[in-house]
PDB file of N, CA and C in Angstrom:
ATOM      1  N   MET A   1     138.723 101.903 108.534  1.00  0.00           N
ATOM      2  CA  MET A   1     137.306 102.367 108.022  1.00  0.00           C
ATOM      3  C   MET A   1     136.597 101.987 109.133  1.00  0.00           C
ATOM      4  N   GLY A   2     135.621 102.496 109.779  1.00  0.00           N
ATOM      5  CA  GLY A   2     134.272 102.405 110.794  1.00  0.00           C
ATOM      6  C   GLY A   2     133.235 102.024 109.765  1.00  0.00           C
ATOM      7  N   PRO A   3     132.014 101.632 110.395  1.00  0.00           N
ATOM      8  CA  PRO A   3     130.944 101.299 109.873  1.00  0.00           C
ATOM      9  C   PRO A   3     130.282 102.559 109.079  1.00  0.00           C
ATOM     10  N   ARG A   4     129.662 102.353 108.153  1.00  0.00           N
ATOM     11  CA  ARG A   4     129.215 103.300 107.161  1.00  0.00           C
ATOM     12  C   ARG A   4     127.713 103.602 107.688  1.00  0.00           C
ATOM     13  N   VAL A   5     127.258 104.414 107.886  1.00  0.00           N
ATOM     14  CA  VAL A   5     125.856 104.477 108.650  1.00  0.00           C
ATOM     15  C   VAL A   5     125.129 105.510 107.678  1.00  0.00           C
ATOM     16  N   GLN A   6     123.709 104.871 107.481  1.00  0.00           N
ATOM     17  CA  GLN A   6     122.551 106.231 106.987  1.00  0.00           C
ATOM     18  C   GLN A   6     121.388 105.987 107.428  1.00  0.00           C
ATOM     19  N   CYS A   7     121.059 107.262 107.812  1.00  0.00           N
ATOM     20  CA  CYS A   7     119.378 107.174 108.211  1.00  0.00           C
ATOM     21  C   CYS A   7     118.513 107.527 107.084  1.00  0.00           C
ATOM     22  N   TRP A   8     117.745 106.760 106.767  1.00  0.00           N
ATOM     23  CA  TRP A   8     116.754 107.384 105.991  1.00  0.00           C
ATOM     24  C   TRP A   8     115.492 107.714 106.150  1.00  0.00           C
ATOM     25  N   THR A   9     114.671 108.635 106.060  1.00  0.00           N
ATOM     26  CA  THR A   9     113.480 108.621 106.787  1.00  0.00           C
ATOM     27  C   THR A   9     112.374 108.974 105.485  1.00  0.00           C
ATOM     28  N   LEU A  10     111.192 108.500 105.636  1.00  0.00           N
ATOM     29  CA  LEU A  10     110.501 108.115 104.611  1.00  0.00           C
ATOM     30  C   LEU A  10     109.308 109.017 104.351  1.00  0.00           C
ATOM     31  N   THR A  11     108.483 109.838 103.782  1.00  0.00           N
ATOM     32  CA  THR A  11     107.397 110.181 103.489  1.00  0.00           C
ATOM     33  C   THR A  11     106.367 109.603 102.955  1.00  0.00           C
ATOM     34  N   GLY A  12     105.302 109.997 102.834  1.00  0.00           N
ATOM     35  CA  GLY A  12     104.445 109.466 101.863  1.00  0.00           C
ATOM     36  C   GLY A  12     104.364 110.029 100.785  1.00  0.00           C
ATOM     37  N   ASN A  13     105.476 110.236  99.928  1.00  0.00           N
ATOM     38  CA  ASN A  13     105.463 110.895  98.756  1.00  0.00           C
ATOM     39  C   ASN A  13     105.926 110.135  97.705  1.00  0.00           C
ATOM     40  N   GLY A  14     105.919 108.858  97.560  1.00  0.00           N
ATOM     41  CA  GLY A  14     106.241 107.692  96.542  1.00  0.00           C
ATOM     42  C   GLY A  14     107.262 107.535  96.406  1.00  0.00           C
ATOM     43  N   TYR A  15     107.482 107.028  94.594  1.00  0.00           N
ATOM     44  CA  TYR A  15     108.413 107.306  94.109  1.00  0.00           C
ATOM     45  C   TYR A  15     109.946 107.790  94.237  1.00  0.00           C
ATOM     46  N   ASN A  16     110.678 107.375  94.759  1.00  0.00           N
ATOM     47  CA  ASN A  16     111.717 108.065  94.944  1.00  0.00           C
ATOM     48  C   ASN A  16     113.195 107.108  95.411  1.00  0.00           C
ATOM     49  N   ASP A  17     114.319 107.515  95.671  1.00  0.00           N
ATOM     50  CA  ASP A  17     115.484 106.487  95.815  1.00  0.00           C
ATOM     51  C   ASP A  17     115.197 105.144  96.794  1.00  0.00           C
ATOM     52  N   ALA A  18     114.693 105.980  97.706  1.00  0.00           N
ATOM     53  CA  ALA A  18     114.513 104.869  99.313  1.00  0.00           C
ATOM     54  C   ALA A  18     113.607 103.752  98.699  1.00  0.00           C
ATOM     55  N   TRP A  19     112.201 104.023  97.783  1.00  0.00           N
ATOM     56  CA  TRP A  19     110.898 103.060  97.537  1.00  0.00           C
ATOM     57  C   TRP A  19     112.342 102.145  96.639  1.00  0.00           C
ATOM     58  N   ALA A  20     113.134 102.472  95.554  1.00  0.00           N
ATOM     59  CA  ALA A  20     113.510 101.647  94.769  1.00  0.00           C
ATOM     60  C   ALA A  20     114.934 100.567  95.703  1.00  0.00           C
ATOM     61  N   ILE A  21     115.406 101.404  96.386  1.00  0.00           N
ATOM     62  CA  ILE A  21     116.349 100.294  97.339  1.00  0.00           C
ATOM     63  C   ILE A  21     116.153  99.487  98.618  1.00  0.00           C
ATOM     64  N   LEU A  22     115.104  99.999  99.377  1.00  0.00           N
ATOM     65  CA  LEU A  22     114.501  99.970 100.396  1.00  0.00           C
ATOM     66  C   LEU A  22     113.513  99.126 100.232  1.00  0.00           C
ATOM     67  N   GLY A  23     112.402  99.320  99.458  1.00  0.00           N
ATOM     68  CA  GLY A  23     111.151  98.906  99.040  1.00  0.00           C
ATOM     69  C   GLY A  23     111.441  97.849  97.953  1.00  0.00           C
ATOM     70  N   GLN A  24     112.027  98.051  96.971  1.00  0.00           N
ATOM     71  CA  GLN A  24     111.937  97.033  95.800  1.00  0.00           C
ATOM     72  C   GLN A  24     113.337  96.104  96.053  1.00  0.00           C
ATOM     73  N   ARG A  25     114.446  96.613  96.946  1.00  0.00           N
ATOM     74  CA  ARG A  25     115.621  96.275  96.678  1.00  0.00           C
ATOM     75  C   ARG A  25     116.705  95.940  95.991  1.00  0.00           C
ATOM     76  N   GLN A  26     116.068  97.255  94.599  1.00  0.00           N
ATOM     77  CA  GLN A  26     116.863  97.130  93.508  1.00  0.00           C
ATOM     78  C   GLN A  26     118.491  98.014  93.762  1.00  0.00           C
ATOM     79  N   GLY A  27     119.414  97.121  93.716  1.00  0.00           N
ATOM     80  CA  GLY A  27     120.590  97.598  93.381  1.00  0.00           C
ATOM     81  C   GLY A  27     120.819  98.919  92.451  1.00  0.00           C
ATOM     82  N   THR A  28     121.726  99.528  92.628  1.00  0.00           N
ATOM     83  CA  THR A  28     122.066 100.470  91.831  1.00  0.00           C
ATOM     84  C   THR A  28     123.613 100.578  91.533  1.00  0.00           C
ATOM     85  N   GLY A  29     124.863  99.125  91.892  1.00  0.00           N
ATOM     86  CA  GLY A  29     125.793  99.500  91.432  1.00  0.00           C
ATOM     87  C   GLY A  29     126.688  99.956  92.330  1.00  0.00           C
ATOM     88  N   ASP A  30     126.213 100.922  93.288  1.00  0.00           N
ATOM     89  CA  ASP A  30     127.009 101.250  94.223  1.00  0.00           C
ATOM     90  C   ASP A  30     127.664 100.318  95.367  1.00  0.00           C
ATOM     91  N   PRO A  31     128.438 100.317  95.593  1.00  0.00           N
ATOM     92  CA  PRO A  31     129.429  99.718  96.635  1.00  0.00           C
ATOM     93  C   PRO A  31     128.432  99.127  97.677  1.00  0.00           C
ATOM     94  N   ILE A  32     127.745 100.228  98.428  1.00  0.00           N
ATOM     95  CA  ILE A  32     127.003  99.487  99.295  1.00  0.00           C
ATOM     96  C   ILE A  32     125.722  98.878  99.226  1.00  0.00           C
ATOM     97  N   GLY A  33     125.352  98.765  97.897  1.00  0.00           N
ATOM     98  CA  GLY A  33     124.075  97.858  97.200  1.00  0.00           C
ATOM     99  C   GLY A  33     123.234  97.643  97.979  1.00  0.00           C
ATOM    100  N   LEU A  34     122.946  96.166  98.228  1.00  0.00           N
ATOM    101  CA  LEU A  34     121.839  96.072  99.256  1.00  0.00           C
ATOM    102  C   LEU A  34     122.449  95.159 100.403  1.00  0.00           C
ATOM    103  N   ASP A  35     123.556  95.485 100.640  1.00  0.00           N
ATOM    104  CA  ASP A  35     123.820  95.499 102.229  1.00  0.00           C
ATOM    105  C   ASP A  35     122.881  96.521 103.194  1.00  0.00           C
ATOM    106  N   LEU A  36     121.657  96.244 103.394  1.00  0.00           N
ATOM    107  CA  LEU A  36     121.756  97.478 104.520  1.00  0.00           C
ATOM    108  C   LEU A  36     120.560  96.915 105.247  1.00  0.00           C
ATOM    109  N   GLU A  37     120.160  97.376 106.367  1.00  0.00           N
ATOM    110  CA  GLU A  37     119.754  96.564 107.307  1.00  0.00           C
ATOM    111  C   GLU A  37     118.435  97.626 107.360  1.00  0.00           C
ATOM    112  N   VAL A  38     117.410  97.130 107.104  1.00  0.00           N
ATOM    113  CA  VAL A  38     116.356  98.150 107.101  1.00  0.00           C
ATOM    114  C   VAL A  38     115.450  97.959 108.185  1.00  0.00           C
ATOM    115  N   VAL A  39     115.168  99.114 109.204  1.00  0.00           N
ATOM    116  CA  VAL A  39     114.360  99.247 110.150  1.00  0.00           C
ATOM    117  C   VAL A  39     113.022 100.177 110.268  1.00  0.00           C
ATOM    118  N   ARG A  40     111.877  99.117 110.426  1.00  0.00           N
ATOM    119  CA  ARG A  40     110.895 100.316 110.310  1.00  0.00           C
ATOM    120  C   ARG A  40     109.827 100.239 111.492  1.00  0.00           C
ATOM    121  N   ALA A  41     109.464 101.726 111.453  1.00  0.00           N
ATOM    122  CA  ALA A  41     108.811 101.953 112.544  1.00  0.00           C
ATOM    123  C   ALA A  41     107.716 102.964 112.212  1.00  0.00           C
ATOM    124  N   SER A  42     106.572 102.978 112.968  1.00  0.00           N
ATOM    125  CA  SER A  42     105.379 103.632 112.938  1.00  0.00           C
ATOM    126  C   SER A  42     105.577 105.094 113.618  1.00  0.00           C
ATOM    127  N   THR A  43     104.788 106.261 112.516  1.00  0.00           N
ATOM    128  CA  THR A  43     104.664 107.605 113.287  1.00  0.00           C
ATOM    129  C   THR A  43     104.099 107.359 113.953  1.00  0.00           C
ATOM    130  N   LEU A  44     102.815 106.771 114.359  1.00  0.00           N
ATOM    131  CA  LEU A  44     102.010 106.715 115.230  1.00  0.00           C
ATOM    132  C   LEU A  44     102.738 106.379 116.736  1.00  0.00           C
ATOM    133  N   ASP A  45     103.662 105.762 116.535  1.00  0.00           N
ATOM    134  CA  ASP A  45     104.449 105.059 117.849  1.00  0.00           C
ATOM    135  C   ASP A  45     105.495 105.476 118.316  1.00  0.00           C
ATOM    136  N   ASN A  46     105.594 106.777 117.781  1.00  0.00           N
ATOM    137  CA  ASN A  46     106.884 107.512 117.689  1.00  0.00           C
ATOM    138  C   ASN A  46     106.847 108.384 119.112  1.00  0.00           C
ATOM    139  N   PRO A  47     107.729 107.567 120.349  1.00  0.00           N
ATOM    140  CA  PRO A  47     107.568 108.461 121.552  1.00  0.00           C
ATOM    141  C   PRO A  47     107.828 109.864 121.298  1.00  0.00           C
ATOM    142  N   TYR A  48     108.401 110.616 120.399  1.00  0.00           N
ATOM    143  CA  TYR A  48     109.369 111.572 120.652  1.00  0.00           C
ATOM    144  C   TYR A  48     108.441 113.039 119.806  1.00  0.00           C
ATOM    145  N   LEU A  49     107.243 111.949 118.849  1.00  0.00           N
ATOM    146  CA  LEU A  49     106.778 112.929 118.457  1.00  0.00           C
ATOM    147  C   LEU A  49     104.916 113.484 119.613  1.00  0.00           C
ATOM    148  N   ASP A  50     104.174 114.682 119.869  1.00  0.00           N
ATOM    149  CA  ASP A  50     103.578 114.419 120.767  1.00  0.00           C
ATOM    150  C   ASP A  50     102.215 114.273 119.995  1.00  0.00           C
ATOM    151  N   ALA A  51     101.327 114.403 120.687  1.00  0.00           N
ATOM    152  CA  ALA A  51      99.834 113.241 120.342  1.00  0.00           C
ATOM    153  C   ALA A  51      99.401 114.895 118.989  1.00  0.00           C
ATOM    154  N   GLY A  52      99.460 116.215 119.489  1.00  0.00           N
ATOM    155  CA  GLY A  52      98.862 116.672 118.350  1.00  0.00           C
ATOM    156  C   GLY A  52      99.506 116.329 116.894  1.00  0.00           C
ATOM    157  N   THR A  53     100.705 116.163 116.907  1.00  0.00           N
ATOM    158  CA  THR A  53     101.824 116.017 115.437  1.00  0.00           C
ATOM    159  C   THR A  53     101.219 114.354 115.323  1.00  0.00           C
ATOM    160  N   ARG A  54     100.972 113.631 116.046  1.00  0.00           N
ATOM    161  CA  ARG A  54     100.476 112.260 115.473  1.00  0.00           C
ATOM    162  C   ARG A  54      99.329 112.519 115.215  1.00  0.00           C
ATOM    163  N   GLY A  55      98.459 113.065 115.649  1.00  0.00           N
ATOM    164  CA  GLY A  55      96.777 113.060 115.032  1.00  0.00           C
ATOM    165  C   GLY A  55      96.727 113.967 113.875  1.00  0.00           C
ATOM    166  N   ARG A  56      97.807 115.434 113.390  1.00  0.00           N
ATOM    167  CA  ARG A  56      97.708 115.663 112.090  1.00  0.00           C
ATOM    168  C   ARG A  56      98.130 114.625 110.754  1.00  0.00           C
ATOM    169  N   SER A  57      99.330 113.557 111.255  1.00  0.00           N
ATOM    170  CA  SER A  57      99.830 113.123 110.487  1.00  0.00           C
ATOM    171  C   SER A  57      98.342 111.543 110.262  1.00  0.00           C
ATOM    172  N   ALA A  58      97.675 111.333 111.074  1.00  0.00           N
ATOM    173  CA  ALA A  58      96.696 110.532 110.995  1.00  0.00           C
ATOM    174  C   ALA A  58      95.652 110.844 110.284  1.00  0.00           C
ATOM    175  N   ARG A  59      95.122 112.029 110.614  1.00  0.00           N
ATOM    176  CA  ARG A  59      93.917 112.946 109.485  1.00  0.00           C
ATOM    177  C   ARG A  59      94.591 113.302 108.150  1.00  0.00           C
ATOM    178  N   GLN A  60      95.961 113.749 108.020  1.00  0.00           N
ATOM    179  CA  GLN A  60      96.497 113.780 106.573  1.00  0.00           C
ATOM    180  C   GLN A  60      96.612 112.516 106.055  1.00  0.00           C
ATOM    181  N   PHE A  61      97.255 111.309 106.394  1.00  0.00           N
ATOM    182  CA  PHE A  61      97.269 110.310 105.721  1.00  0.00           C
ATOM    183  C   PHE A  61      96.431 108.833 105.873  1.00  0.00           C
ATOM    184  N   GLY A  62      95.743 108.614 107.461  1.00  0.00           N
ATOM    185  CA  GLY A  62      94.692 108.016 107.324  1.00  0.00           C
ATOM    186  C   GLY A  62      93.652 107.465 106.351  1.00  0.00           C
ATOM    187  N   GLY A  63      93.619 106.386 105.990  1.00  0.00           N
ATOM    188  CA  GLY A  63      92.713 106.067 104.564  1.00  0.00           C
ATOM    189  C   GLY A  63      92.671 106.331 103.302  1.00  0.00           C
ATOM    190  N   THR A  64      94.230 106.859 103.406  1.00  0.00           N
ATOM    191  CA  THR A  64      94.588 107.081 101.828  1.00  0.00           C
ATOM    192  C   THR A  64      95.594 106.226 101.317  1.00  0.00           C
ATOM    193  N   ASP A  65      96.027 106.188 100.095  1.00  0.00           N
ATOM    194  CA  ASP A  65      96.899 104.971  99.431  1.00  0.00           C
ATOM    195  C   ASP A  65      98.404 105.287 100.165  1.00  0.00           C
ATOM    196  N   ARG A  66      98.313 106.221 100.826  1.00  0.00           N
ATOM    197  CA  ARG A  66      99.819 106.535 101.597  1.00  0.00           C
ATOM    198  C   ARG A  66      99.832 106.195 102.796  1.00  0.00           C
ATOM    199  N   GLU A  67      98.922 105.653 103.433  1.00  0.00           N
ATOM    200  CA  GLU A  67      99.031 105.339 104.884  1.00  0.00           C
ATOM    201  C   GLU A  67     100.247 104.554 105.168  1.00  0.00           C
ATOM    202  N   VAL A  68     100.079 103.803 104.518  1.00  0.00           N
ATOM    203  CA  VAL A  68     101.129 102.470 104.630  1.00  0.00           C
ATOM    204  C   VAL A  68     102.897 102.915 105.400  1.00  0.00           C
ATOM    205  N   GLN A  69     102.749 103.703 104.129  1.00  0.00           N
ATOM    206  CA  GLN A  69     104.337 104.348 104.115  1.00  0.00           C
ATOM    207  C   GLN A  69     104.055 105.761 104.927  1.00  0.00           C
ATOM    208  N   ALA A  70     103.269 106.675 104.843  1.00  0.00           N
ATOM    209  CA  ALA A  70     103.256 107.790 105.817  1.00  0.00           C
ATOM    210  C   ALA A  70     103.171 107.182 107.676  1.00  0.00           C
ATOM    211  N   LEU A  71     102.119 106.114 107.784  1.00  0.00           N
ATOM    212  CA  LEU A  71     102.409 106.144 109.227  1.00  0.00           C
ATOM    213  C   LEU A  71     102.529 104.988 109.610  1.00  0.00           C
ATOM    214  N   ARG A  72     102.970 104.028 108.844  1.00  0.00           N
ATOM    215  CA  ARG A  72     103.161 102.561 109.429  1.00  0.00           C
ATOM    216  C   ARG A  72     104.347 102.058 109.293  1.00  0.00           C
ATOM    217  N   GLY A  73     105.434 102.959 108.741  1.00  0.00           N
ATOM    218  CA  GLY A  73     106.590 102.594 107.799  1.00  0.00           C
ATOM    219  C   GLY A  73     106.858 101.492 106.820  1.00  0.00           C
ATOM    220  N   GLY A  74     105.813 101.398 106.327  1.00  0.00           N
ATOM    221  CA  GLY A  74     105.632 100.581 104.967  1.00  0.00           C
ATOM    222  C   GLY A  74     106.595 101.293 103.946  1.00  0.00           C
ATOM    223  N   VAL A  75     106.745 100.786 102.602  1.00  0.00           N
ATOM    224  CA  VAL A  75     107.532 101.705 101.580  1.00  0.00           C
ATOM    225  C   VAL A  75     106.540 101.050 100.309  1.00  0.00           C
ATOM    226  N   VAL A  76     105.790 102.344  99.985  1.00  0.00           N
ATOM    227  CA  VAL A  76     104.908 102.055  98.660  1.00  0.00           C
ATOM    228  C   VAL A  76     105.097 103.163  97.698  1.00  0.00           C
ATOM    229  N   ALA A  77     104.773 103.035  96.503  1.00  0.00           N
ATOM    230  CA  ALA A  77     104.933 104.000  95.531  1.00  0.00           C
ATOM    231  C   ALA A  77     103.917 104.639  95.490  1.00  0.00           C
ATOM    232  N   ALA A  78     103.620 105.907  94.834  1.00  0.00           N
ATOM    233  CA  ALA A  78     102.527 106.729  94.639  1.00  0.00           C
ATOM    234  C   ALA A  78     101.735 106.306  93.331  1.00  0.00           C
ATOM    235  N   GLN A  79     100.921 106.249  93.320  1.00  0.00           N
ATOM    236  CA  GLN A  79      99.713 105.997  91.842  1.00  0.00           C
ATOM    237  C   GLN A  79      99.866 107.275  90.951  1.00  0.00           C
ATOM    238  N   GLY A  80      99.858 107.486  89.660  1.00  0.00           N
ATOM    239  CA  GLY A  80      99.071 108.676  88.960  1.00  0.00           C
ATOM    240  C   GLY A  80     100.153 109.744  89.160  1.00  0.00           C
TER     241      GLY A  80
END
């Protein structure tokens, strides 16, 4: 059996499975468990996005409580 690979992309939308598993490192009992490598990348440094897309994301999320996750590769939970 080959490697098990998943690619999760995160948005600035707060609580979800990615937040619980990757951000809080909470296992669910699934065999894949916490044996995960977490690679974080910044939307603002993504060479595959054009400048207009990066700018729109920066305007939408910059200065908000979702900036860390939506732009900088962090994992946060929505408030409210």
